[in-house]
Amino acid sequence: MSDPTALWIAHVDVHDPDAYGRYAAAAGPAIAAHGGVFLARSGRYVQLEGPDRPRNVVARFPSLAAAEACYRSDAYQTALKHARGAAERELVIVEENGPGT
């Protein structure tokens, strides 16, 4: 039996678009290198609870371990330096359940 896939869910309020653009340009390849595939990136949304973060990103990874390894990787940490101070962010990794669970 293989590990369940996992979702990387980020809610972001960007204050410095140029710096955040540099983050995004470097983060994309780091995410792809760990098997991450973007499912949603800044599309329409409805904020129902919690702080409104107008940029919402969801990526699917092959496993929770792969998603966490991506976050902790040198490539992603280098990209993340551009986001620090450029945005307010929340990021969570959630293991997906199978159908009917």
PDB file of N, CA and C in Angstrom:
ATOM      1  N   MET A   1       0.846  -1.174   0.000  1.00  0.00           N
ATOM      2  CA  MET A   1       0.000   0.000   0.000  1.00  0.00           C
ATOM      3  C   MET A   1       0.896   1.243   0.000  1.00  0.00           C
ATOM      4  N   SER A   2       0.599   2.183  -0.865  1.00  0.00           N
ATOM      5  CA  SER A   2       1.419   3.393  -0.948  1.00  0.00           C
ATOM      6  C   SER A   2       0.912   4.451   0.033  1.00  0.00           C
ATOM      7  N   ASP A   3       1.777   5.407   0.317  1.00  0.00           N
ATOM      8  CA  ASP A   3       1.403   6.506   1.201  1.00  0.00           C
ATOM      9  C   ASP A   3       0.303   7.344   0.553  1.00  0.00           C
ATOM     10  N   PRO A   4      -0.585   7.919   1.361  1.00  0.00           N
ATOM     11  CA  PRO A   4      -1.579   8.837   0.808  1.00  0.00           C
ATOM     12  C   PRO A   4      -0.891  10.095   0.268  1.00  0.00           C
ATOM     13  N   THR A   5      -1.496  10.696  -0.720  1.00  0.00           N
ATOM     14  CA  THR A   5      -0.986  11.972  -1.213  1.00  0.00           C
ATOM     15  C   THR A   5      -1.234  13.041  -0.148  1.00  0.00           C
ATOM     16  N   ALA A   6      -0.604  14.190  -0.340  1.00  0.00           N
ATOM     17  CA  ALA A   6      -0.746  15.276   0.633  1.00  0.00           C
ATOM     18  C   ALA A   6      -0.940  16.595  -0.101  1.00  0.00           C
ATOM     19  N   LEU A   7      -1.655  17.496   0.528  1.00  0.00           N
ATOM     20  CA  LEU A   7      -1.890  18.829  -0.014  1.00  0.00           C
ATOM     21  C   LEU A   7      -1.104  19.856   0.774  1.00  0.00           C
ATOM     22  N   TRP A   8      -0.431  20.725   0.053  1.00  0.00           N
ATOM     23  CA  TRP A   8       0.301  21.872   0.602  1.00  0.00           C
ATOM     24  C   TRP A   8      -0.638  23.038   0.367  1.00  0.00           C
ATOM     25  N   ILE A   9      -1.112  23.661   1.427  1.00  0.00           N
ATOM     26  CA  ILE A   9      -2.107  24.727   1.324  1.00  0.00           C
ATOM     27  C   ILE A   9      -1.519  25.997   1.928  1.00  0.00           C
ATOM     28  N   ALA A  10      -1.411  27.023   1.099  1.00  0.00           N
ATOM     29  CA  ALA A  10      -0.847  28.303   1.536  1.00  0.00           C
ATOM     30  C   ALA A  10      -1.869  29.410   1.347  1.00  0.00           C
ATOM     31  N   HIS A  11      -1.953  30.274   2.341  1.00  0.00           N
ATOM     32  CA  HIS A  11      -2.782  31.480   2.287  1.00  0.00           C
ATOM     33  C   HIS A  11      -1.828  32.652   2.462  1.00  0.00           C
ATOM     34  N   VAL A  12      -1.843  33.578   1.499  1.00  0.00           N
ATOM     35  CA  VAL A  12      -0.797  34.597   1.436  1.00  0.00           C
ATOM     36  C   VAL A  12      -1.391  35.974   1.177  1.00  0.00           C
ATOM     37  N   ASP A  13      -0.844  36.966   1.855  1.00  0.00           N
ATOM     38  CA  ASP A  13      -1.140  38.379   1.588  1.00  0.00           C
ATOM     39  C   ASP A  13       0.190  39.024   1.215  1.00  0.00           C
ATOM     40  N   VAL A  14       0.361  39.349  -0.055  1.00  0.00           N
ATOM     41  CA  VAL A  14       1.624  39.857  -0.578  1.00  0.00           C
ATOM     42  C   VAL A  14       1.712  41.372  -0.371  1.00  0.00           C
ATOM     43  N   HIS A  15       2.846  41.825   0.202  1.00  0.00           N
ATOM     44  CA  HIS A  15       3.093  43.253   0.408  1.00  0.00           C
ATOM     45  C   HIS A  15       4.154  43.792  -0.541  1.00  0.00           C
ATOM     46  N   ASP A  16       5.030  42.927  -1.026  1.00  0.00           N
ATOM     47  CA  ASP A  16       6.103  43.319  -1.950  1.00  0.00           C
ATOM     48  C   ASP A  16       6.061  42.376  -3.151  1.00  0.00           C
ATOM     49  N   PRO A  17       5.299  42.752  -4.191  1.00  0.00           N
ATOM     50  CA  PRO A  17       5.126  41.854  -5.338  1.00  0.00           C
ATOM     51  C   PRO A  17       6.428  41.473  -6.040  1.00  0.00           C
ATOM     52  N   ASP A  18       7.390  42.376  -6.112  1.00  0.00           N
ATOM     53  CA  ASP A  18       8.647  42.051  -6.787  1.00  0.00           C
ATOM     54  C   ASP A  18       9.398  40.947  -6.041  1.00  0.00           C
ATOM     55  N   ALA A  19       9.553  41.106  -4.731  1.00  0.00           N
ATOM     56  CA  ALA A  19      10.246  40.087  -3.941  1.00  0.00           C
ATOM     57  C   ALA A  19       9.475  38.778  -3.957  1.00  0.00           C
ATOM     58  N   TYR A  20       8.157  38.865  -3.874  1.00  0.00           N
ATOM     59  CA  TYR A  20       7.364  37.637  -3.867  1.00  0.00           C
ATOM     60  C   TYR A  20       7.416  36.956  -5.227  1.00  0.00           C
ATOM     61  N   GLY A  21       7.527  37.719  -6.272  1.00  0.00           N
ATOM     62  CA  GLY A  21       7.699  37.150  -7.601  1.00  0.00           C
ATOM     63  C   GLY A  21       8.987  36.357  -7.708  1.00  0.00           C
ATOM     64  N   ARG A  22      10.054  36.870  -7.085  1.00  0.00           N
ATOM     65  CA  ARG A  22      11.321  36.125  -7.068  1.00  0.00           C
ATOM     66  C   ARG A  22      11.160  34.815  -6.288  1.00  0.00           C
ATOM     67  N   TYR A  23      10.423  34.877  -5.177  1.00  0.00           N
ATOM     68  CA  TYR A  23      10.134  33.660  -4.421  1.00  0.00           C
ATOM     69  C   TYR A  23       9.400  32.651  -5.311  1.00  0.00           C
ATOM     70  N   ALA A  24       8.326  33.084  -5.950  1.00  0.00           N
ATOM     71  CA  ALA A  24       7.505  32.184  -6.760  1.00  0.00           C
ATOM     72  C   ALA A  24       8.311  31.563  -7.897  1.00  0.00           C
ATOM     73  N   ALA A  25       9.164  32.357  -8.526  1.00  0.00           N
ATOM     74  CA  ALA A  25       9.976  31.848  -9.637  1.00  0.00           C
ATOM     75  C   ALA A  25      10.925  30.747  -9.180  1.00  0.00           C
ATOM     76  N   ALA A  26      11.456  30.871  -7.983  1.00  0.00           N
ATOM     77  CA  ALA A  26      12.387  29.869  -7.464  1.00  0.00           C
ATOM     78  C   ALA A  26      11.662  28.714  -6.774  1.00  0.00           C
ATOM     79  N   ALA A  27      10.504  28.977  -6.171  1.00  0.00           N
ATOM     80  CA  ALA A  27       9.773  27.943  -5.442  1.00  0.00           C
ATOM     81  C   ALA A  27       9.152  26.915  -6.383  1.00  0.00           C
ATOM     82  N   GLY A  28       8.669  27.360  -7.533  1.00  0.00           N
ATOM     83  CA  GLY A  28       8.016  26.447  -8.472  1.00  0.00           C
ATOM     84  C   GLY A  28       8.881  25.252  -8.841  1.00  0.00           C
ATOM     85  N   PRO A  29      10.121  25.469  -9.274  1.00  0.00           N
ATOM     86  CA  PRO A  29      10.980  24.332  -9.593  1.00  0.00           C
ATOM     87  C   PRO A  29      11.296  23.447  -8.381  1.00  0.00           C
ATOM     88  N   ALA A  30      11.434  24.042  -7.202  1.00  0.00           N
ATOM     89  CA  ALA A  30      11.694  23.246  -5.995  1.00  0.00           C
ATOM     90  C   ALA A  30      10.499  22.352  -5.685  1.00  0.00           C
ATOM     91  N   ILE A  31       9.310  22.889  -5.846  1.00  0.00           N
ATOM     92  CA  ILE A  31       8.090  22.113  -5.601  1.00  0.00           C
ATOM     93  C   ILE A  31       7.978  20.982  -6.624  1.00  0.00           C
ATOM     94  N   ALA A  32       8.199  21.289  -7.890  1.00  0.00           N
ATOM     95  CA  ALA A  32       8.128  20.268  -8.945  1.00  0.00           C
ATOM     96  C   ALA A  32       9.163  19.167  -8.721  1.00  0.00           C
ATOM     97  N   ALA A  33      10.349  19.535  -8.242  1.00  0.00           N
ATOM     98  CA  ALA A  33      11.411  18.560  -8.015  1.00  0.00           C
ATOM     99  C   ALA A  33      11.034  17.529  -6.951  1.00  0.00           C
ATOM    100  N   HIS A  34      10.070  17.868  -6.099  1.00  0.00           N
ATOM    101  CA  HIS A  34       9.622  16.945  -5.057  1.00  0.00           C
ATOM    102  C   HIS A  34       8.277  16.305  -5.415  1.00  0.00           C
ATOM    103  N   GLY A  35       7.910  16.398  -6.678  1.00  0.00           N
ATOM    104  CA  GLY A  35       6.679  15.764  -7.139  1.00  0.00           C
ATOM    105  C   GLY A  35       5.442  16.601  -6.939  1.00  0.00           C
ATOM    106  N   GLY A  36       5.596  17.863  -6.551  1.00  0.00           N
ATOM    107  CA  GLY A  36       4.451  18.735  -6.326  1.00  0.00           C
ATOM    108  C   GLY A  36       3.835  19.208  -7.634  1.00  0.00           C
ATOM    109  N   VAL A  37       2.504  19.235  -7.658  1.00  0.00           N
ATOM    110  CA  VAL A  37       1.737  19.703  -8.808  1.00  0.00           C
ATOM    111  C   VAL A  37       0.726  20.721  -8.297  1.00  0.00           C
ATOM    112  N   PHE A  38       0.706  21.904  -8.898  1.00  0.00           N
ATOM    113  CA  PHE A  38      -0.232  22.942  -8.463  1.00  0.00           C
ATOM    114  C   PHE A  38      -1.652  22.601  -8.892  1.00  0.00           C
ATOM    115  N   LEU A  39      -2.579  22.707  -7.945  1.00  0.00           N
ATOM    116  CA  LEU A  39      -3.997  22.506  -8.215  1.00  0.00           C
ATOM    117  C   LEU A  39      -4.736  23.833  -8.268  1.00  0.00           C
ATOM    118  N   ALA A  40      -4.276  24.807  -7.491  1.00  0.00           N
ATOM    119  CA  ALA A  40      -4.908  26.132  -7.458  1.00  0.00           C
ATOM    120  C   ALA A  40      -3.841  27.166  -7.145  1.00  0.00           C
ATOM    121  N   ARG A  41      -3.896  28.277  -7.883  1.00  0.00           N
ATOM    122  CA  ARG A  41      -2.945  29.371  -7.648  1.00  0.00           C
ATOM    123  C   ARG A  41      -3.658  30.688  -7.895  1.00  0.00           C
ATOM    124  N   SER A  42      -4.078  31.326  -6.820  1.00  0.00           N
ATOM    125  CA  SER A  42      -4.635  32.680  -6.865  1.00  0.00           C
ATOM    126  C   SER A  42      -5.880  32.826  -7.718  1.00  0.00           C
ATOM    127  N   GLY A  43      -6.700  31.800  -7.784  1.00  0.00           N
ATOM    128  CA  GLY A  43      -7.969  31.918  -8.499  1.00  0.00           C
ATOM    129  C   GLY A  43      -9.019  32.590  -7.630  1.00  0.00           C
ATOM    130  N   ARG A  44     -10.221  32.594  -8.116  1.00  0.00           N
ATOM    131  CA  ARG A  44     -11.337  33.148  -7.348  1.00  0.00           C
ATOM    132  C   ARG A  44     -11.508  32.349  -6.069  1.00  0.00           C
ATOM    133  N   TYR A  45     -11.945  33.015  -5.028  1.00  0.00           N
ATOM    134  CA  TYR A  45     -12.137  32.330  -3.743  1.00  0.00           C
ATOM    135  C   TYR A  45     -13.210  33.051  -2.955  1.00  0.00           C
ATOM    136  N   VAL A  46     -13.722  32.415  -1.933  1.00  0.00           N
ATOM    137  CA  VAL A  46     -14.680  32.998  -0.996  1.00  0.00           C
ATOM    138  C   VAL A  46     -14.094  32.803   0.393  1.00  0.00           C
ATOM    139  N   GLN A  47     -13.814  33.886   1.096  1.00  0.00           N
ATOM    140  CA  GLN A  47     -13.268  33.816   2.451  1.00  0.00           C
ATOM    141  C   GLN A  47     -14.426  33.666   3.427  1.00  0.00           C
ATOM    142  N   LEU A  48     -14.472  32.565   4.146  1.00  0.00           N
ATOM    143  CA  LEU A  48     -15.563  32.310   5.081  1.00  0.00           C
ATOM    144  C   LEU A  48     -15.157  32.510   6.534  1.00  0.00           C
ATOM    145  N   GLU A  49     -13.929  32.172   6.880  1.00  0.00           N
ATOM    146  CA  GLU A  49     -13.450  32.332   8.252  1.00  0.00           C
ATOM    147  C   GLU A  49     -11.973  32.660   8.233  1.00  0.00           C
ATOM    148  N   GLY A  50     -11.490  33.258   9.311  1.00  0.00           N
ATOM    149  CA  GLY A  50     -10.067  33.539   9.455  1.00  0.00           C
ATOM    150  C   GLY A  50      -9.628  34.746   8.652  1.00  0.00           C
ATOM    151  N   PRO A  51      -8.323  35.038   8.719  1.00  0.00           N
ATOM    152  CA  PRO A  51      -7.805  36.226   8.028  1.00  0.00           C
ATOM    153  C   PRO A  51      -7.893  36.063   6.510  1.00  0.00           C
ATOM    154  N   ASP A  52      -8.277  37.135   5.857  1.00  0.00           N
ATOM    155  CA  ASP A  52      -8.380  37.128   4.401  1.00  0.00           C
ATOM    156  C   ASP A  52      -6.986  37.245   3.805  1.00  0.00           C
ATOM    157  N   ARG A  53      -6.577  36.247   3.067  1.00  0.00           N
ATOM    158  CA  ARG A  53      -5.304  36.233   2.355  1.00  0.00           C
ATOM    159  C   ARG A  53      -5.648  36.047   0.880  1.00  0.00           C
ATOM    160  N   PRO A  54      -5.522  37.088   0.063  1.00  0.00           N
ATOM    161  CA  PRO A  54      -6.019  37.023  -1.315  1.00  0.00           C
ATOM    162  C   PRO A  54      -5.280  36.077  -2.248  1.00  0.00           C
ATOM    163  N   ARG A  55      -4.120  35.582  -1.865  1.00  0.00           N
ATOM    164  CA  ARG A  55      -3.415  34.594  -2.697  1.00  0.00           C
ATOM    165  C   ARG A  55      -3.507  33.252  -1.989  1.00  0.00           C
ATOM    166  N   ASN A  56      -4.139  32.299  -2.634  1.00  0.00           N
ATOM    167  CA  ASN A  56      -4.336  30.971  -2.065  1.00  0.00           C
ATOM    168  C   ASN A  56      -3.760  29.947  -3.037  1.00  0.00           C
ATOM    169  N   VAL A  57      -2.919  29.067  -2.528  1.00  0.00           N
ATOM    170  CA  VAL A  57      -2.217  28.106  -3.367  1.00  0.00           C
ATOM    171  C   VAL A  57      -2.397  26.709  -2.787  1.00  0.00           C
ATOM    172  N   VAL A  58      -2.724  25.760  -3.655  1.00  0.00           N
ATOM    173  CA  VAL A  58      -2.827  24.360  -3.257  1.00  0.00           C
ATOM    174  C   VAL A  58      -1.980  23.541  -4.227  1.00  0.00           C
ATOM    175  N   ALA A  59      -1.099  22.732  -3.677  1.00  0.00           N
ATOM    176  CA  ALA A  59      -0.289  21.815  -4.486  1.00  0.00           C
ATOM    177  C   ALA A  59      -0.432  20.412  -3.913  1.00  0.00           C
ATOM    178  N   ARG A  60      -0.467  19.423  -4.798  1.00  0.00           N
ATOM    179  CA  ARG A  60      -0.533  18.025  -4.356  1.00  0.00           C
ATOM    180  C   ARG A  60       0.859  17.412  -4.484  1.00  0.00           C
ATOM    181  N   PHE A  61       1.248  16.682  -3.448  1.00  0.00           N
ATOM    182  CA  PHE A  61       2.522  15.963  -3.414  1.00  0.00           C
ATOM    183  C   PHE A  61       2.244  14.466  -3.310  1.00  0.00           C
ATOM    184  N   PRO A  62       3.206  13.644  -3.700  1.00  0.00           N
ATOM    185  CA  PRO A  62       3.010  12.190  -3.624  1.00  0.00           C
ATOM    186  C   PRO A  62       2.794  11.671  -2.202  1.00  0.00           C
ATOM    187  N   SER A  63       3.269  12.422  -1.205  1.00  0.00           N
ATOM    188  CA  SER A  63       3.110  11.997   0.190  1.00  0.00           C
ATOM    189  C   SER A  63       3.366  13.192   1.100  1.00  0.00           C
ATOM    190  N   LEU A  64       2.975  13.045   2.355  1.00  0.00           N
ATOM    191  CA  LEU A  64       3.257  14.071   3.346  1.00  0.00           C
ATOM    192  C   LEU A  64       4.767  14.232   3.501  1.00  0.00           C
ATOM    193  N   ALA A  65       5.495  13.124   3.481  1.00  0.00           N
ATOM    194  CA  ALA A  65       6.954  13.179   3.618  1.00  0.00           C
ATOM    195  C   ALA A  65       7.588  13.958   2.464  1.00  0.00           C
ATOM    196  N   ALA A  66       7.088  13.768   1.242  1.00  0.00           N
ATOM    197  CA  ALA A  66       7.629  14.497   0.088  1.00  0.00           C
ATOM    198  C   ALA A  66       7.356  15.989   0.213  1.00  0.00           C
ATOM    199  N   ALA A  67       6.168  16.352   0.678  1.00  0.00           N
ATOM    200  CA  ALA A  67       5.828  17.766   0.844  1.00  0.00           C
ATOM    201  C   ALA A  67       6.700  18.415   1.908  1.00  0.00           C
ATOM    202  N   GLU A  68       6.908  17.717   3.013  1.00  0.00           N
ATOM    203  CA  GLU A  68       7.750  18.268   4.068  1.00  0.00           C
ATOM    204  C   GLU A  68       9.208  18.343   3.620  1.00  0.00           C
ATOM    205  N   ALA A  69       9.663  17.335   2.894  1.00  0.00           N
ATOM    206  CA  ALA A  69      11.035  17.352   2.377  1.00  0.00           C
ATOM    207  C   ALA A  69      11.232  18.534   1.438  1.00  0.00           C
ATOM    208  N   CYS A  70      10.224  18.853   0.649  1.00  0.00           N
ATOM    209  CA  CYS A  70      10.308  20.012  -0.235  1.00  0.00           C
ATOM    210  C   CYS A  70      10.503  21.280   0.588  1.00  0.00           C
ATOM    211  N   TYR A  71       9.661  21.462   1.594  1.00  0.00           N
ATOM    212  CA  TYR A  71       9.748  22.673   2.419  1.00  0.00           C
ATOM    213  C   TYR A  71      11.131  22.802   3.054  1.00  0.00           C
ATOM    214  N   ARG A  72      11.679  21.704   3.517  1.00  0.00           N
ATOM    215  CA  ARG A  72      12.962  21.729   4.223  1.00  0.00           C
ATOM    216  C   ARG A  72      14.174  21.699   3.284  1.00  0.00           C
ATOM    217  N   SER A  73      13.933  21.547   1.985  1.00  0.00           N
ATOM    218  CA  SER A  73      15.039  21.449   1.024  1.00  0.00           C
ATOM    219  C   SER A  73      15.795  22.772   0.902  1.00  0.00           C
ATOM    220  N   ASP A  74      17.061  22.672   0.538  1.00  0.00           N
ATOM    221  CA  ASP A  74      17.881  23.871   0.330  1.00  0.00           C
ATOM    222  C   ASP A  74      17.278  24.770  -0.749  1.00  0.00           C
ATOM    223  N   ALA A  75      16.785  24.167  -1.825  1.00  0.00           N
ATOM    224  CA  ALA A  75      16.223  24.956  -2.931  1.00  0.00           C
ATOM    225  C   ALA A  75      15.013  25.758  -2.474  1.00  0.00           C
ATOM    226  N   TYR A  76      14.101  25.124  -1.715  1.00  0.00           N
ATOM    227  CA  TYR A  76      12.914  25.850  -1.261  1.00  0.00           C
ATOM    228  C   TYR A  76      13.283  26.892  -0.209  1.00  0.00           C
ATOM    229  N   GLN A  77      14.179  26.557   0.705  1.00  0.00           N
ATOM    230  CA  GLN A  77      14.581  27.523   1.727  1.00  0.00           C
ATOM    231  C   GLN A  77      15.253  28.750   1.108  1.00  0.00           C
ATOM    232  N   THR A  78      16.009  28.545   0.030  1.00  0.00           N
ATOM    233  CA  THR A  78      16.603  29.671  -0.686  1.00  0.00           C
ATOM    234  C   THR A  78      15.506  30.539  -1.292  1.00  0.00           C
ATOM    235  N   ALA A  79      14.501  29.912  -1.902  1.00  0.00           N
ATOM    236  CA  ALA A  79      13.374  30.657  -2.468  1.00  0.00           C
ATOM    237  C   ALA A  79      12.616  31.407  -1.378  1.00  0.00           C
ATOM    238  N   LEU A  80      12.424  30.756  -0.244  1.00  0.00           N
ATOM    239  CA  LEU A  80      11.634  31.320   0.851  1.00  0.00           C
ATOM    240  C   LEU A  80      12.235  32.616   1.394  1.00  0.00           C
ATOM    241  N   LYS A  81      13.533  32.778   1.270  1.00  0.00           N
ATOM    242  CA  LYS A  81      14.166  34.017   1.738  1.00  0.00           C
ATOM    243  C   LYS A  81      13.558  35.243   1.054  1.00  0.00           C
ATOM    244  N   HIS A  82      13.104  35.103  -0.186  1.00  0.00           N
ATOM    245  CA  HIS A  82      12.485  36.221  -0.905  1.00  0.00           C
ATOM    246  C   HIS A  82      11.086  36.531  -0.369  1.00  0.00           C
ATOM    247  N   ALA A  83      10.397  35.538   0.171  1.00  0.00           N
ATOM    248  CA  ALA A  83       9.035  35.730   0.672  1.00  0.00           C
ATOM    249  C   ALA A  83       9.022  36.373   2.061  1.00  0.00           C
ATOM    250  N   ARG A  84      10.063  36.109   2.836  1.00  0.00           N
ATOM    251  CA  ARG A  84      10.095  36.652   4.199  1.00  0.00           C
ATOM    252  C   ARG A  84      10.147  38.166   4.140  1.00  0.00           C
ATOM    253  N   GLY A  85       9.213  38.789   4.812  1.00  0.00           N
ATOM    254  CA  GLY A  85       9.119  40.244   4.800  1.00  0.00           C
ATOM    255  C   GLY A  85       8.333  40.776   3.613  1.00  0.00           C
ATOM    256  N   ALA A  86       8.106  39.947   2.611  1.00  0.00           N
ATOM    257  CA  ALA A  86       7.364  40.371   1.424  1.00  0.00           C
ATOM    258  C   ALA A  86       5.893  39.980   1.504  1.00  0.00           C
ATOM    259  N   ALA A  87       5.558  39.128   2.478  1.00  0.00           N
ATOM    260  CA  ALA A  87       4.187  38.633   2.561  1.00  0.00           C
ATOM    261  C   ALA A  87       3.906  38.081   3.951  1.00  0.00           C
ATOM    262  N   GLU A  88       2.619  38.070   4.302  1.00  0.00           N
ATOM    263  CA  GLU A  88       2.147  37.342   5.479  1.00  0.00           C
ATOM    264  C   GLU A  88       1.599  36.029   4.942  1.00  0.00           C
ATOM    265  N   ARG A  89       2.008  34.917   5.566  1.00  0.00           N
ATOM    266  CA  ARG A  89       1.645  33.611   5.027  1.00  0.00           C
ATOM    267  C   ARG A  89       1.264  32.627   6.119  1.00  0.00           C
ATOM    268  N   GLU A  90       0.391  31.737   5.768  1.00  0.00           N
ATOM    269  CA  GLU A  90       0.144  30.527   6.532  1.00  0.00           C
ATOM    270  C   GLU A  90       0.348  29.374   5.565  1.00  0.00           C
ATOM    271  N   LEU A  91       0.994  28.323   6.028  1.00  0.00           N
ATOM    272  CA  LEU A  91       1.238  27.147   5.193  1.00  0.00           C
ATOM    273  C   LEU A  91       1.008  25.907   6.031  1.00  0.00           C
ATOM    274  N   VAL A  92       0.233  24.988   5.501  1.00  0.00           N
ATOM    275  CA  VAL A  92      -0.034  23.728   6.181  1.00  0.00           C
ATOM    276  C   VAL A  92       0.055  22.611   5.147  1.00  0.00           C
ATOM    277  N   ILE A  93       0.487  21.440   5.594  1.00  0.00           N
ATOM    278  CA  ILE A  93       0.490  20.252   4.754  1.00  0.00           C
ATOM    279  C   ILE A  93      -0.533  19.289   5.365  1.00  0.00           C
ATOM    280  N   VAL A  94      -1.447  18.797   4.538  1.00  0.00           N
ATOM    281  CA  VAL A  94      -2.518  17.927   5.008  1.00  0.00           C
ATOM    282  C   VAL A  94      -2.525  16.654   4.186  1.00  0.00           C
ATOM    283  N   GLU A  95      -2.497  15.521   4.865  1.00  0.00           N
ATOM    284  CA  GLU A  95      -2.575  14.242   4.171  1.00  0.00           C
ATOM    285  C   GLU A  95      -4.000  14.060   3.635  1.00  0.00           C
ATOM    286  N   GLU A  96      -4.103  13.616   2.380  1.00  0.00           N
ATOM    287  CA  GLU A  96      -5.419  13.399   1.789  1.00  0.00           C
ATOM    288  C   GLU A  96      -5.993  12.062   2.240  1.00  0.00           C
ATOM    289  N   ASN A  97      -7.309  12.042   2.406  1.00  0.00           N
ATOM    290  CA  ASN A  97      -8.019  10.807   2.710  1.00  0.00           C
ATOM    291  C   ASN A  97      -8.495  10.188   1.412  1.00  0.00           C
ATOM    292  N   GLY A  98      -8.645   8.894   1.424  1.00  0.00           N
ATOM    293  CA  GLY A  98      -9.211   8.221   0.259  1.00  0.00           C
ATOM    294  C   GLY A  98     -10.690   8.495   0.149  1.00  0.00           C
ATOM    295  N   PRO A  99     -11.306   8.105  -0.946  1.00  0.00           N
ATOM    296  CA  PRO A  99     -12.755   8.291  -1.131  1.00  0.00           C
ATOM    297  C   PRO A  99     -13.538   7.622  -0.009  1.00  0.00           C
ATOM    298  N   GLY A 100     -14.531   8.329   0.477  1.00  0.00           N
ATOM    299  CA  GLY A 100     -15.425   7.758   1.483  1.00  0.00           C
ATOM    300  C   GLY A 100     -14.886   7.751   2.895  1.00  0.00           C
ATOM    301  N   THR A 101     -13.743   8.414   3.144  1.00  0.00           N
ATOM    302  CA  THR A 101     -13.208   8.413   4.515  1.00  0.00           C
ATOM    303  C   THR A 101     -13.393   9.753   5.154  1.00  0.00           C
TER     304      THR A 101
END
